[in-house]
Structure formats: structure tokens, C-alpha cells
Amino acid sequence: MIRCLALLASVLIAPVLQAGERPDLGPRPVFPAPDMAAVELGQLLFYDPILSGNRNIACSTCHHPRFGTSDGVSLGLGEGGIGLGPDRVVDPKNPPEQRIPRNAPGLWNLGAPEFTVMFHDGRLEDHPDHPGGIRTPLGEDMISGFDDALAAQAMFPVLSADEMAGHYSENDVAQAVRLGQLSTPGGAWDRISARIADIPEYRTRFDAVLGQGARITFADIANVLADFIRFEWRADNSPFDVYMAGRGDLPSAAIRGMDLFYGAAGCSQCHSGWLQSDQGFHALAVPQLGPGKAARFEAHNRDEGRLRVTGASEDAFAFRTPSLRNVTLTAPYGHSGAFATLEMMVRHHLDPARSLQGYDPDQTILPMLEGAADWRIHQSAPERAALISAATVATLSLSDAEVSDIVSFLSSLTDESAAAGRLGVPDAVPSGLPVDR
């Protein structure tokens, strides 16, 4: 309640812009200059299934440009799935053990210096007090050599049985993960790196980046993946950017929405700065669905968000404020992908308790998975009450027209040139494995 009142107070005392006045967002993000040899190598690895245990899933499987660098579903299918986006289905020969617990986030502008924390719960972050300048749940299993948290985040999907590693006994990488052999010689990361080093084109390309004959580590692979993400998914030339630079106008509906966003609606209290994110964590009572974020030995479907990282009760059900750049391309919305449209997500912010209690599960986009207990948490009145109790957003009344105007403003944050991709999807990858299209 205290945090809720504090947020309401900050909205009430926020300076109100005059109609159409350009907000002061501070200095623009400064992106590092790209090393194109590293970027082009990262592009090939991003689309190459060679990084997965069973050689069947690439980074692009869950982060594809066709779906705004996400996958177009509420909760995806990783290992055990066939196909791409909403067309992905269960492989009858090797079905998934469960859905991916959280919605696949977009990759827009992760190369900006403002992005120092990764994932919905921020469990990975740049931090000077930790080895290598990166705080990670892996602790002593963390290996050195990662440029930053953006590079280090590549460690996690390849270690996840449900995402890319595969399940125990299916392949050598999955076996190493299950045995806890991560950073040890011959462990999971070494096995993936050896695959890459054995492919002549990758060896040649890494020679150009690292130096002739240099040993290829998983950190080296992760670093060039990050170089590609920084270059390919930079999105800072939207109609809003053109307007802010004084080089063009926005539609009247978008102007009205901008005035609300930075004024009476208080959206910018959390969605602040040029990338429309305070990089903080807030509880919004977003409906919970799917397997939840739990260890294998835990028998619940709950996702407690930031609490699992910090252990602080005030962080219960809090998730990172997403950037709103290219947000029109990344439906469904919320950490669980609970909301099918941007309008529904905006309306949820107005009265999270009412929205949660009246939520319609039919709006989710969920691939069929036999036996999935998707609604165990949502169907529990005590669980819903806990979500509502933790919510930190004050209720707000907006008309249908005002909601529509805010959505129009959010549409002005779409950078169409970035959405098309700078390098695009490669025709082929050095492993010779199929490329997601």
C-alpha cells in the first residue's frame, strides 16, 4: 500500500506538459560502434541450431524478426516443438516436458547502455562488485570473458532443458547440464564451443575476430551474439524520434496519447527515458499461467518474479519494466503473455485488480500441450488475492478514446526500418542445419 500511494503521489505532482510539448527525456542513448566481422559472425550463430543440444533450436526460434524478435505466443514451446511462432506444435516423437515459463521478450535496443539487467526478473546484471563485472545466479560456475550482461545472457537458454539443451540422455550437452558440468573442462559450454570450432567457416570467421588459431570459448560465442543483437535490433528511428528531433509531425491521436503518457495518465513514471523504461521492477497483478517459475522439486505453478532473485518480500510478483520501443510488434504482452493486444495491456494498468478478476483466458495464444496445467494459479482465489495485494499501481480512469490515443502514441514508437532487420535472415548457416524462416 505504501508503494502504491507513493506512485500515485508521483503521478499527481509530475509536471504537466502543454499540449504537443516535447518531453525532456535527457541524453539520447549512445550505441557502440559495431565491429562488422563480429556482427556478421553473430548473425550466423543467432540463426544456427548448432548451439542447441539436439541441434534443432536456434536463438531465432524464440526471437524471430517475423514476430518482432519474440515468438508470437503467450508461452512458447522450446525443446520438443516443431515449427515457428504460433504455428509451432508438439513433436509427437519427443514432446516437451512443459511450456517455457515466461513470454519471450523482444530484443530491441538491448545494446543501449541503459540496459544493464536482463530477463523479466533481472537475475543477470552488470554489477562492479561481482567477478567479471556481472552478477549471475551461476555463482562459481560463471566463466570469465563475457563483455557484459547482454553477452552473458546467452549462457542461460543453452543450459535450459526446456529451451535449448534438451532433456537428459538426449545428447551430450544435456547430460553435462544434468550432471552439473557447466564450466568444468569438457562441460556443457566446452562441448558447444567444440562444435563451433570443428566447422571450418566458423573457425575462419573466429580467426578474423579473435586472432589466428585462438581458442574459441563459449564467452567468445556469446560476445559475437551480443554484437549482432546490438547492431541488428537497434530501434531508434521511429516517427516519435523524428518528431522529437523537430523533423516531422505525429498524427493528432498520437499527440494526444503522448500528452496523456507524459502527463495525466502517468505512464512515464515507470516507462521513462528515451527507451520508455526505468529498468525497475513493479508488480502489476498480470494474470499467471503456465508452469510458473519453479525448481524441478517445487510443486507449484507460481511465478514470484523479482522475489526469487532478491528474497525481499516487497519484490513479490514484480517484473522489469519493458521498453516500449517496437512494442506494437511483440504481442502477446506481460511476463506471461496474458494479454493478446496492446489495448488490453493498457487497460489492465488502469485497474489491475478488476482486470485480473475479470480476465478472459481465451485471449491467450498457447500451443496445444496435452496435460499442461496452465490455469492452476489463476483459478485460485487466494493466489489472485496475493497478486492484487502486491500490485503497486494506483487505479486510473480513462475514457475509451483516451486509451485509443495512448495506443496510437505507442504505435509511433515503432521503427519500421529496424523491424525489417539490417542484415536479415541468412540464406544458410555454416553448420548446414535448417534456418528458421
Protein backbone atom coordinates (compact mmCIF):
# COMPACT_ATOMS: atom_id res chain seq x y z
CA MET A 1 0.00 0.00 0.00
CA ILE A 2 2.84 2.43 0.82
CA ARG A 3 4.45 1.90 -2.58
CA CYS A 4 1.08 2.29 -4.27
CA LEU A 5 0.46 5.64 -2.56
CA ALA A 6 3.98 6.80 -3.36
CA LEU A 7 3.47 6.05 -7.03
CA LEU A 8 0.12 7.83 -7.04
CA ALA A 9 1.74 10.87 -5.41
CA SER A 10 4.49 10.93 -8.04
CA VAL A 11 1.85 10.97 -10.77
CA LEU A 12 -0.07 13.80 -9.14
CA ILE A 13 2.98 16.03 -8.71
CA ALA A 14 4.54 15.23 -12.10
CA PRO A 15 4.93 18.29 -14.32
CA VAL A 16 2.12 18.52 -16.85
CA LEU A 17 3.20 19.23 -20.41
CA GLN A 18 1.39 21.66 -22.62
CA ALA A 19 -0.50 20.01 -25.50
CA GLY A 20 2.01 18.71 -28.03
CA GLU A 21 5.02 19.84 -25.98
CA ARG A 22 8.05 17.63 -26.48
CA PRO A 23 9.05 15.92 -23.21
CA ASP A 24 12.56 16.28 -21.83
CA LEU A 25 13.94 12.74 -21.93
CA GLY A 26 17.57 13.55 -21.17
CA PRO A 27 20.54 12.46 -23.29
CA ARG A 28 19.84 10.03 -26.09
CA PRO A 29 21.31 6.51 -25.78
CA VAL A 30 24.76 6.14 -27.32
CA PHE A 31 25.26 2.81 -29.06
CA PRO A 32 28.80 1.48 -29.50
CA ALA A 33 30.30 1.38 -32.99
CA PRO A 34 29.92 -2.12 -34.46
CA ASP A 35 32.71 -4.49 -35.43
CA MET A 36 31.08 -5.86 -38.57
CA ALA A 37 33.19 -9.03 -38.66
CA ALA A 38 31.87 -9.88 -35.18
CA VAL A 39 28.33 -8.77 -36.07
CA GLU A 40 28.17 -10.95 -39.19
CA LEU A 41 29.56 -13.93 -37.27
CA GLY A 42 26.98 -13.35 -34.54
CA GLN A 43 24.22 -13.26 -37.14
CA LEU A 44 25.11 -16.74 -38.37
CA LEU A 45 25.27 -18.14 -34.84
CA PHE A 46 21.96 -16.49 -33.90
CA TYR A 47 20.16 -18.40 -36.65
CA ASP A 48 22.16 -21.65 -36.35
CA PRO A 49 20.59 -24.56 -34.39
CA ILE A 50 24.12 -25.86 -33.71
CA LEU A 51 24.06 -24.13 -30.31
CA SER A 52 21.24 -26.37 -29.02
CA GLY A 53 21.80 -29.79 -27.53
CA ASN A 54 19.81 -31.63 -30.19
CA ARG A 55 20.86 -29.24 -32.98
CA ASN A 56 17.22 -28.35 -33.61
CA ILE A 57 16.62 -24.94 -31.96
CA ALA A 58 18.33 -21.61 -32.65
CA CYS A 59 18.18 -18.32 -30.78
CA SER A 60 15.91 -17.21 -33.62
CA THR A 61 13.36 -19.91 -32.85
CA CYS A 62 12.07 -17.85 -29.91
CA HIS A 63 13.34 -14.43 -31.07
CA HIS A 64 12.45 -14.14 -34.73
CA PRO A 65 12.03 -10.93 -36.75
CA ARG A 66 8.74 -12.24 -38.13
CA PHE A 67 7.34 -11.84 -34.60
CA GLY A 68 9.09 -8.65 -33.52
CA THR A 69 12.11 -10.60 -32.12
CA SER A 70 9.74 -12.64 -29.96
CA ASP A 71 7.72 -15.73 -30.94
CA GLY A 72 4.14 -14.52 -31.22
CA VAL A 73 2.72 -16.78 -28.48
CA SER A 74 1.97 -16.33 -24.80
CA LEU A 75 4.27 -19.10 -23.61
CA GLY A 76 6.34 -20.93 -26.16
CA LEU A 77 7.44 -24.49 -26.76
CA GLY A 78 11.19 -24.98 -26.79
CA GLU A 79 12.70 -28.45 -26.87
CA GLY A 80 10.08 -30.86 -28.17
CA GLY A 81 8.45 -28.36 -30.50
CA ILE A 82 8.34 -28.20 -34.30
CA GLY A 83 7.70 -25.08 -36.37
CA LEU A 84 7.90 -21.36 -35.76
CA GLY A 85 5.78 -18.83 -33.89
CA PRO A 86 2.06 -19.57 -33.46
CA ASP A 87 2.46 -22.48 -35.88
CA ARG A 88 4.85 -24.31 -33.55
CA VAL A 89 3.42 -27.64 -32.42
CA VAL A 90 4.44 -30.58 -30.26
CA ASP A 91 6.85 -33.09 -31.77
CA PRO A 92 4.95 -36.36 -31.23
CA LYS A 93 8.25 -38.28 -31.14
CA ASN A 94 9.75 -36.10 -28.40
CA PRO A 95 7.08 -33.98 -26.66
CA PRO A 96 8.05 -31.12 -24.32
CA GLU A 97 8.06 -31.68 -20.58
CA GLN A 98 6.44 -28.25 -20.11
CA ARG A 99 5.98 -24.86 -21.71
CA ILE A 100 8.63 -22.16 -21.44
CA PRO A 101 7.65 -20.45 -18.12
CA ARG A 102 7.74 -16.85 -19.39
CA ASN A 103 6.88 -14.91 -22.52
CA ALA A 104 9.83 -14.50 -24.89
CA PRO A 105 10.87 -10.82 -24.58
CA GLY A 106 11.77 -8.68 -27.57
CA LEU A 107 15.43 -7.83 -28.17
CA TRP A 108 15.03 -4.19 -29.17
CA ASN A 109 17.83 -1.83 -28.10
CA LEU A 110 19.44 -4.25 -25.66
CA GLY A 111 22.77 -2.83 -26.82
CA ALA A 112 21.97 0.58 -25.33
CA PRO A 113 23.94 1.40 -22.16
CA GLU A 114 20.67 1.77 -20.23
CA PHE A 115 20.14 -2.00 -20.38
CA THR A 116 22.24 -3.34 -17.52
CA VAL A 117 19.80 -6.04 -16.32
CA MET A 118 18.49 -8.97 -18.32
CA PHE A 119 15.39 -11.16 -18.18
CA HIS A 120 11.96 -10.43 -16.72
CA ASP A 121 13.25 -10.81 -13.17
CA GLY A 122 16.65 -9.14 -13.65
CA ARG A 123 18.54 -12.18 -12.37
CA LEU A 124 21.51 -11.24 -14.58
CA GLU A 125 23.00 -7.77 -14.43
CA ASP A 126 26.13 -5.72 -14.88
CA HIS A 127 27.50 -5.21 -11.36
CA PRO A 128 31.01 -3.99 -10.46
CA ASP A 129 31.08 -5.91 -7.18
CA HIS A 130 30.93 -9.32 -8.87
CA PRO A 131 33.59 -11.30 -10.80
CA GLY A 132 33.87 -10.10 -14.37
CA GLY A 133 31.54 -7.20 -13.55
CA ILE A 134 28.46 -9.40 -13.94
CA ARG A 135 26.11 -10.74 -11.25
CA THR A 136 24.67 -14.11 -12.19
CA PRO A 137 22.83 -16.94 -10.41
CA LEU A 138 25.53 -19.36 -11.58
CA GLY A 139 27.95 -18.21 -8.87
CA GLU A 140 31.14 -20.23 -9.01
CA ASP A 141 30.08 -21.87 -12.27
CA MET A 142 30.32 -18.49 -14.01
CA ILE A 143 33.13 -18.40 -16.54
CA SER A 144 35.07 -15.27 -17.46
CA GLY A 145 35.39 -13.44 -20.74
CA PHE A 146 31.89 -12.06 -21.27
CA ASP A 147 31.83 -8.45 -22.44
CA ASP A 148 28.72 -7.58 -20.42
CA ALA A 149 25.34 -8.85 -19.23
CA LEU A 150 23.94 -8.82 -22.77
CA ALA A 151 26.59 -11.33 -23.80
CA ALA A 152 26.28 -13.35 -20.59
CA GLN A 153 22.53 -13.83 -21.04
CA ALA A 154 23.33 -16.26 -23.86
CA MET A 155 24.53 -18.69 -21.17
CA PHE A 156 21.08 -19.45 -19.90
CA PRO A 157 18.97 -20.73 -22.83
CA VAL A 158 21.67 -23.23 -23.86
CA LEU A 159 21.64 -24.66 -20.32
CA SER A 160 17.85 -24.95 -20.06
CA ALA A 161 16.41 -28.39 -20.76
CA ASP A 162 13.13 -26.83 -21.86
CA GLU A 163 14.70 -24.16 -24.09
CA MET A 164 17.79 -25.41 -25.95
CA ALA A 165 19.78 -28.05 -24.06
CA GLY A 166 17.33 -30.90 -24.43
CA HIS A 167 16.43 -33.47 -21.83
CA TYR A 168 18.72 -35.87 -20.01
CA SER A 169 20.18 -38.70 -22.15
CA GLU A 170 19.14 -36.99 -25.40
CA ASN A 171 22.58 -35.50 -26.11
CA ASP A 172 25.97 -34.83 -24.59
CA VAL A 173 25.20 -31.19 -23.73
CA ALA A 174 22.03 -32.12 -21.82
CA GLN A 175 23.89 -34.84 -19.95
CA ALA A 176 26.62 -32.39 -18.89
CA VAL A 177 24.00 -29.88 -17.70
CA ARG A 178 22.14 -32.50 -15.66
CA LEU A 179 25.41 -33.60 -14.04
CA GLY A 180 26.26 -30.00 -13.15
CA GLN A 181 29.20 -29.94 -15.55
CA LEU A 182 28.96 -26.40 -16.86
CA SER A 183 32.27 -24.56 -16.68
CA THR A 184 34.43 -27.62 -15.96
CA PRO A 185 36.78 -28.82 -18.74
CA GLY A 186 34.67 -30.82 -21.16
CA GLY A 187 31.47 -29.41 -19.66
CA ALA A 188 28.39 -28.09 -21.45
CA TRP A 189 29.93 -24.84 -22.66
CA ASP A 190 33.10 -26.56 -23.86
CA ARG A 191 31.03 -29.09 -25.78
CA ILE A 192 29.11 -26.33 -27.59
CA SER A 193 32.31 -24.41 -28.31
CA ALA A 194 33.98 -27.53 -29.72
CA ARG A 195 31.09 -27.97 -32.17
CA ILE A 196 31.67 -24.45 -33.46
CA ALA A 197 35.44 -24.83 -33.69
CA ASP A 198 35.03 -28.01 -35.75
CA ILE A 199 33.14 -26.17 -38.52
CA PRO A 200 35.66 -24.67 -40.98
CA GLU A 201 33.73 -21.48 -41.77
CA TYR A 202 33.20 -20.68 -38.11
CA ARG A 203 36.89 -21.37 -37.41
CA THR A 204 37.89 -18.95 -40.18
CA ARG A 205 35.47 -16.27 -39.03
CA PHE A 206 36.60 -16.52 -35.40
CA ASP A 207 40.20 -16.26 -36.59
CA ALA A 208 39.29 -12.88 -38.09
CA VAL A 209 37.70 -11.73 -34.81
CA LEU A 210 39.95 -13.32 -32.16
CA GLY A 211 43.22 -13.86 -33.99
CA GLN A 212 44.61 -16.80 -35.92
CA GLY A 213 44.16 -20.08 -34.07
CA ALA A 214 42.80 -18.53 -30.85
CA ARG A 215 40.82 -20.94 -28.69
CA ILE A 216 37.07 -20.43 -29.09
CA THR A 217 35.27 -20.28 -25.76
CA PHE A 218 31.56 -20.03 -25.08
CA ALA A 219 32.17 -16.46 -23.91
CA ASP A 220 33.54 -15.68 -27.37
CA ILE A 221 30.39 -17.11 -28.94
CA ALA A 222 28.20 -15.12 -26.57
CA ASN A 223 30.13 -11.90 -27.24
CA VAL A 224 29.55 -12.01 -31.00
CA LEU A 225 25.89 -12.90 -30.46
CA ALA A 226 25.64 -9.73 -28.37
CA ASP A 227 27.43 -7.74 -31.10
CA PHE A 228 24.80 -8.92 -33.57
CA ILE A 229 21.90 -8.06 -31.25
CA ARG A 230 23.30 -4.56 -30.66
CA PHE A 231 23.52 -3.91 -34.39
CA GLU A 232 20.52 -5.76 -35.80
CA TRP A 233 17.88 -4.84 -33.26
CA ARG A 234 18.70 -1.18 -32.66
CA ALA A 235 15.40 0.70 -32.98
CA ASP A 236 15.72 4.46 -32.51
CA ASN A 237 14.41 5.96 -35.74
CA SER A 238 10.66 5.85 -35.18
CA PRO A 239 8.13 8.58 -36.01
CA PHE A 240 8.45 9.61 -32.34
CA ASP A 241 12.20 10.10 -32.77
CA VAL A 242 11.63 12.15 -35.93
CA TYR A 243 9.09 14.27 -34.06
CA MET A 244 11.40 14.76 -31.07
CA ALA A 245 14.14 15.94 -33.43
CA GLY A 246 11.77 18.53 -34.93
CA ARG A 247 11.90 16.90 -38.36
CA GLY A 248 8.27 15.83 -38.64
CA ASP A 249 4.84 15.69 -37.04
CA LEU A 250 2.82 12.96 -35.39
CA PRO A 251 -0.86 12.21 -36.06
CA SER A 252 -3.18 14.15 -33.77
CA ALA A 253 -4.25 10.97 -31.94
CA ALA A 254 -0.60 10.13 -31.20
CA ILE A 255 -0.02 13.68 -29.93
CA ARG A 256 -3.00 13.36 -27.58
CA GLY A 257 -1.70 9.98 -26.46
CA MET A 258 1.77 11.41 -25.86
CA ASP A 259 0.29 14.19 -23.72
CA LEU A 260 -1.51 11.56 -21.62
CA PHE A 261 1.53 9.27 -21.48
CA TYR A 262 3.81 12.02 -20.17
CA GLY A 263 1.07 13.78 -18.24
CA ALA A 264 -2.21 12.83 -16.59
CA ALA A 265 -2.01 9.08 -17.24
CA GLY A 266 1.39 8.88 -15.51
CA CYS A 267 2.76 6.17 -17.83
CA SER A 268 6.19 7.78 -17.93
CA GLN A 269 6.66 7.36 -14.18
CA CYS A 270 7.80 3.83 -14.99
CA HIS A 271 8.18 3.98 -18.77
CA SER A 272 10.72 6.78 -18.65
CA GLY A 273 13.62 7.96 -20.78
CA TRP A 274 14.23 7.54 -24.48
CA LEU A 275 13.56 3.81 -24.35
CA GLN A 276 10.46 4.17 -22.16
CA SER A 277 11.71 2.07 -19.25
CA ASP A 278 13.01 2.92 -15.79
CA GLN A 279 14.70 -0.52 -15.78
CA GLY A 280 12.97 -1.07 -12.44
CA PHE A 281 10.65 -3.79 -11.19
CA HIS A 282 6.94 -3.39 -10.48
CA ALA A 283 4.07 -5.69 -9.53
CA LEU A 284 1.05 -5.27 -11.81
CA ALA A 285 -1.08 -8.33 -10.97
CA VAL A 286 -0.65 -9.66 -14.50
CA PRO A 287 -2.53 -12.98 -14.75
CA GLN A 288 -0.36 -16.03 -14.13
CA LEU A 289 -0.47 -19.06 -16.37
CA GLY A 290 1.64 -21.99 -17.42
CA PRO A 291 4.17 -23.92 -15.35
CA GLY A 292 5.35 -20.93 -13.32
CA LYS A 293 8.95 -20.26 -12.36
CA ALA A 294 9.80 -23.09 -10.03
CA ALA A 295 12.64 -25.52 -9.48
CA ARG A 296 12.02 -29.10 -10.58
CA PHE A 297 11.45 -30.21 -6.97
CA GLU A 298 8.82 -27.50 -6.31
CA ALA A 299 5.18 -28.44 -6.84
CA HIS A 300 3.61 -25.10 -7.71
CA ASN A 301 2.84 -23.04 -10.80
CA ARG A 302 3.54 -19.67 -9.22
CA ASP A 303 5.94 -17.08 -10.66
CA GLU A 304 7.08 -14.78 -7.87
CA GLY A 305 9.21 -12.65 -10.19
CA ARG A 306 11.91 -10.49 -8.66
CA LEU A 307 11.39 -12.12 -5.26
CA ARG A 308 13.20 -15.25 -6.46
CA VAL A 309 16.26 -13.08 -7.16
CA THR A 310 16.37 -10.81 -4.11
CA GLY A 311 14.46 -12.78 -1.47
CA ALA A 312 12.81 -9.49 -0.45
CA SER A 313 9.08 -9.75 0.27
CA GLU A 314 8.44 -6.34 -1.28
CA ASP A 315 9.65 -7.75 -4.60
CA ALA A 316 6.93 -10.40 -4.77
CA PHE A 317 5.38 -10.67 -8.25
CA ALA A 318 7.45 -7.71 -9.53
CA PHE A 319 8.84 -7.81 -13.06
CA ARG A 320 11.08 -5.49 -15.02
CA THR A 321 9.52 -2.54 -16.81
CA PRO A 322 9.81 -3.42 -20.50
CA SER A 323 10.98 -0.91 -23.05
CA LEU A 324 8.15 0.19 -25.33
CA ARG A 325 10.19 0.51 -28.50
CA ASN A 326 8.57 -1.55 -31.28
CA VAL A 327 6.02 -2.70 -28.71
CA THR A 328 3.33 -2.97 -31.40
CA LEU A 329 5.30 -5.86 -32.90
CA THR A 330 5.76 -8.01 -29.81
CA ALA A 331 2.28 -9.27 -28.82
CA PRO A 332 1.20 -11.01 -26.62
CA TYR A 333 2.05 -8.86 -23.59
CA GLY A 334 3.05 -9.29 -19.96
CA HIS A 335 5.65 -11.62 -18.46
CA SER A 336 3.18 -14.47 -19.00
CA GLY A 337 1.92 -13.27 -22.38
CA ALA A 338 -1.54 -12.98 -20.82
CA PHE A 339 -2.79 -10.09 -22.98
CA ALA A 340 -3.34 -10.61 -26.67
CA THR A 341 -3.42 -6.94 -27.65
CA LEU A 342 -1.71 -3.73 -26.64
CA GLU A 343 -5.06 -2.15 -25.81
CA MET A 344 -5.82 -4.94 -23.33
CA MET A 345 -2.42 -4.43 -21.70
CA VAL A 346 -3.02 -0.69 -21.37
CA ARG A 347 -6.47 -1.25 -19.87
CA HIS A 348 -5.02 -3.66 -17.32
CA HIS A 349 -2.81 -0.84 -15.99
CA LEU A 350 -5.89 1.26 -15.25
CA ASP A 351 -7.29 -1.16 -12.65
CA PRO A 352 -5.15 -4.29 -12.23
CA ALA A 353 -7.40 -5.85 -9.56
CA ARG A 354 -10.54 -5.54 -11.64
CA SER A 355 -8.75 -6.69 -14.78
CA LEU A 356 -7.33 -9.76 -13.04
CA GLN A 357 -10.67 -10.78 -11.55
CA GLY A 358 -12.43 -10.42 -14.90
CA TYR A 359 -9.65 -11.86 -17.04
CA ASP A 360 -10.66 -13.99 -20.03
CA PRO A 361 -8.16 -16.87 -20.52
CA ASP A 362 -9.38 -17.37 -24.08
CA GLN A 363 -7.31 -14.42 -25.25
CA THR A 364 -4.03 -16.27 -24.70
CA ILE A 365 -2.12 -17.76 -27.61
CA LEU A 366 -0.98 -21.14 -26.34
CA PRO A 367 0.23 -24.04 -28.48
CA MET A 368 -1.59 -27.22 -27.59
CA LEU A 369 0.25 -29.27 -24.94
CA GLU A 370 -1.53 -32.29 -23.53
CA GLY A 371 -1.62 -32.40 -19.75
CA ALA A 372 -0.50 -28.80 -19.23
CA ALA A 373 -1.93 -27.33 -16.00
CA ASP A 374 -1.98 -23.79 -17.35
CA TRP A 375 -4.58 -22.19 -15.07
CA ARG A 376 -3.86 -23.64 -11.64
CA ILE A 377 -2.78 -20.29 -10.19
CA HIS A 378 -5.37 -18.12 -11.91
CA GLN A 379 -8.22 -20.35 -10.76
CA SER A 380 -7.16 -20.00 -7.12
CA ALA A 381 -8.83 -17.10 -5.27
CA PRO A 382 -6.01 -16.89 -2.65
CA GLU A 383 -3.38 -16.75 -5.40
CA ARG A 384 -5.24 -13.96 -7.19
CA ALA A 385 -5.59 -12.10 -3.90
CA ALA A 386 -1.82 -12.31 -3.36
CA LEU A 387 -1.20 -10.81 -6.80
CA ILE A 388 -3.62 -7.97 -6.11
CA SER A 389 -2.12 -7.29 -2.69
CA ALA A 390 1.35 -6.93 -4.20
CA ALA A 391 0.27 -4.60 -7.02
CA THR A 392 1.97 -1.19 -6.92
CA VAL A 393 -0.10 0.72 -9.46
CA ALA A 394 -2.88 3.10 -8.45
CA THR A 395 -6.17 2.84 -10.31
CA LEU A 396 -6.87 5.40 -13.02
CA SER A 397 -9.94 6.29 -15.05
CA LEU A 398 -9.51 6.90 -18.78
CA SER A 399 -12.13 7.01 -21.49
CA ASP A 400 -12.11 4.62 -24.43
CA ALA A 401 -10.94 7.48 -26.62
CA GLU A 402 -8.03 8.23 -24.28
CA VAL A 403 -6.96 4.59 -24.24
CA SER A 404 -7.07 4.61 -28.03
CA ASP A 405 -4.92 7.73 -28.11
CA ILE A 406 -2.30 6.14 -25.85
CA VAL A 407 -2.18 3.11 -28.16
CA SER A 408 -1.73 5.50 -31.09
CA PHE A 409 1.22 7.08 -29.31
CA LEU A 410 2.75 3.68 -28.62
CA SER A 411 2.44 2.92 -32.31
CA SER A 412 4.59 5.97 -33.03
CA LEU A 413 7.45 4.21 -31.22
CA THR A 414 7.71 1.62 -34.00
CA ASP A 415 10.88 1.82 -36.08
CA GLU A 416 9.88 0.14 -39.33
CA SER A 417 13.42 0.07 -40.72
CA ALA A 418 14.67 -1.80 -37.64
CA ALA A 419 11.71 -4.17 -37.80
CA ALA A 420 12.80 -5.19 -41.29
CA GLY A 421 16.27 -6.04 -39.96
CA ARG A 422 19.62 -4.66 -41.08
CA LEU A 423 21.28 -7.94 -42.06
CA GLY A 424 18.11 -10.02 -42.12
CA VAL A 425 17.81 -13.80 -42.04
CA PRO A 426 20.78 -15.57 -43.66
CA ASP A 427 20.14 -17.89 -46.57
CA ALA A 428 22.18 -20.61 -44.87
CA VAL A 429 24.39 -21.18 -41.82
CA PRO A 430 27.82 -22.85 -41.68
CA SER A 431 26.55 -25.97 -39.90
CA GLY A 432 24.25 -26.71 -42.83
CA LEU A 433 21.30 -27.08 -40.46
CA PRO A 434 17.87 -25.61 -41.40
CA VAL A 435 17.33 -21.88 -40.81
CA ASP A 436 14.10 -20.58 -39.22
CA ARG A 437 12.10 -18.52 -41.70
